[in-house]
Amino acid sequence: MTVRCPLTDCGAENVADAETCVRCGSPLREFARLTAYPDQLFNQGLAAAQAGELAVARELFAAVVHWCPLDAEARNALALTNFQLGDHQAAHTHWAAVLDRCPGDAMAVEGMSRMLEL
């Protein structure tokens, strides 16, 4: 297995466990950590939501959406958490953003239908 250097000027293939790129010296291990961080935050958000810590979950999901604004799963989670906390305007905003990019997204469609029931 190999890892391609993320720098567009380089793109060199490196062994999977390389610390740095063989061509340009970019820190591959640190880049891998950065790219995994949104997933870590999302999982922490899920754990917080399951523990009933909705305000904490909302902040964690918001951080993921800040880093990855096109992540529909994170934006749906943020919308649902806002909805559960009673911030219906924020929930609507995030579900609408999901539907703008993914018109058939089941979670966003369900969320918007819940909004209509209020």
Protein backbone atom coordinates (compact mmCIF):
# COMPACT_ATOMS: atom_id res chain seq x y z
CA MET A 1 0.00 0.00 0.00
CA THR A 2 1.23 3.49 -0.82
CA VAL A 3 0.28 7.02 0.15
CA ARG A 4 0.33 9.85 -2.38
CA CYS A 5 1.83 13.14 -1.20
CA PRO A 6 -1.04 15.66 -0.80
CA LEU A 7 0.90 18.56 -2.29
CA THR A 8 -0.23 19.14 -5.87
CA ASP A 9 3.28 20.12 -6.95
CA CYS A 10 4.60 16.78 -5.69
CA GLY A 11 2.14 13.87 -5.68
CA ALA A 12 4.90 11.32 -5.08
CA GLU A 13 4.00 7.79 -4.02
CA ASN A 14 5.30 6.90 -0.55
CA VAL A 15 5.23 3.74 1.56
CA ALA A 16 2.15 3.69 3.79
CA ASP A 17 4.01 4.27 7.06
CA ALA A 18 6.30 7.05 5.79
CA GLU A 19 6.84 9.95 8.17
CA THR A 20 7.72 12.34 5.35
CA CYS A 21 7.41 12.44 1.57
CA VAL A 22 10.39 10.91 -0.23
CA ARG A 23 10.37 13.68 -2.84
CA CYS A 24 9.48 16.94 -1.06
CA GLY A 25 9.81 16.12 2.65
CA SER A 26 6.23 17.07 3.55
CA PRO A 27 5.12 15.64 6.91
CA LEU A 28 2.79 12.83 5.77
CA ARG A 29 2.03 11.47 9.25
CA GLU A 30 0.87 14.90 10.45
CA PHE A 31 -1.25 15.35 7.33
CA ALA A 32 -2.91 11.99 8.04
CA ARG A 33 -3.69 13.15 11.59
CA LEU A 34 -5.25 16.36 10.31
CA THR A 35 -7.43 14.54 7.80
CA ALA A 36 -8.65 12.11 10.49
CA TYR A 37 -9.51 14.88 12.98
CA PRO A 38 -13.01 15.68 11.65
CA ASP A 39 -13.93 11.98 12.00
CA GLN A 40 -12.69 12.03 15.58
CA LEU A 41 -14.76 15.13 16.36
CA PHE A 42 -17.82 13.58 14.72
CA ASN A 43 -17.48 10.40 16.79
CA GLN A 44 -17.10 12.48 19.96
CA GLY A 45 -20.25 14.35 18.95
CA LEU A 46 -22.15 11.08 18.56
CA ALA A 47 -20.96 9.91 21.97
CA ALA A 48 -21.99 13.20 23.56
CA ALA A 49 -25.43 13.03 21.93
CA GLN A 50 -25.91 9.45 23.10
CA ALA A 51 -24.95 10.55 26.62
CA GLY A 52 -27.58 13.29 26.50
CA GLU A 53 -24.99 16.09 26.32
CA LEU A 54 -26.67 17.79 23.39
CA ALA A 55 -24.97 21.18 23.78
CA VAL A 56 -21.55 19.51 23.69
CA ALA A 57 -22.62 17.40 20.70
CA ARG A 58 -23.79 20.52 18.87
CA GLU A 59 -20.41 22.21 19.32
CA LEU A 60 -18.54 19.14 18.11
CA PHE A 61 -20.77 18.75 15.05
CA ALA A 62 -20.42 22.48 14.36
CA ALA A 63 -16.63 22.10 14.38
CA VAL A 64 -16.86 19.30 11.82
CA VAL A 65 -19.14 21.39 9.60
CA HIS A 66 -16.69 24.29 9.90
CA TRP A 67 -13.82 22.06 8.71
CA CYS A 68 -15.90 20.10 6.19
CA PRO A 69 -18.83 22.28 5.07
CA LEU A 70 -19.93 19.77 2.41
CA ASP A 71 -20.19 16.85 4.86
CA ALA A 72 -23.91 16.06 4.72
CA GLU A 73 -23.75 13.54 7.57
CA ALA A 74 -22.16 16.05 9.94
CA ARG A 75 -24.53 18.82 8.86
CA ASN A 76 -27.53 16.51 9.39
CA ALA A 77 -26.24 15.66 12.87
CA LEU A 78 -25.79 19.36 13.63
CA ALA A 79 -29.30 20.11 12.37
CA LEU A 80 -30.84 17.31 14.43
CA THR A 81 -29.00 18.39 17.57
CA ASN A 82 -30.14 21.98 17.05
CA PHE A 83 -33.69 20.71 16.57
CA GLN A 84 -33.50 18.68 19.79
CA LEU A 85 -32.20 21.74 21.64
CA GLY A 86 -35.11 23.82 20.36
CA ASP A 87 -33.10 25.96 17.95
CA HIS A 88 -35.42 25.34 15.03
CA GLN A 89 -34.06 28.18 12.89
CA ALA A 90 -30.55 26.72 12.99
CA ALA A 91 -31.92 23.24 12.30
CA HIS A 92 -33.82 24.55 9.29
CA THR A 93 -30.74 26.37 7.99
CA HIS A 94 -28.58 23.24 8.14
CA TRP A 95 -31.17 20.87 6.69
CA ALA A 96 -31.81 23.34 3.87
CA ALA A 97 -28.06 23.42 3.16
CA VAL A 98 -28.01 19.62 2.95
CA LEU A 99 -30.99 19.59 0.61
CA ASP A 100 -29.40 22.23 -1.62
CA ARG A 101 -26.52 19.84 -2.30
CA CYS A 102 -28.32 16.49 -1.91
CA PRO A 103 -32.02 17.01 -2.74
CA GLY A 104 -33.04 13.45 -1.85
CA ASP A 105 -31.17 13.19 1.47
CA ALA A 106 -33.54 11.11 3.63
CA MET A 107 -32.46 12.55 6.98
CA ALA A 108 -32.78 16.15 5.81
CA VAL A 109 -36.17 15.45 4.20
CA GLU A 110 -37.37 13.85 7.46
CA GLY A 111 -36.01 16.77 9.47
CA MET A 112 -37.73 19.33 7.30
CA SER A 113 -41.01 17.43 7.57
CA ARG A 114 -40.65 17.53 11.35
CA MET A 115 -40.18 21.27 11.09
CA LEU A 116 -43.53 21.54 9.27
CA GLU A 117 -45.26 19.71 12.12
CA LEU A 118 -44.32 22.45 14.62
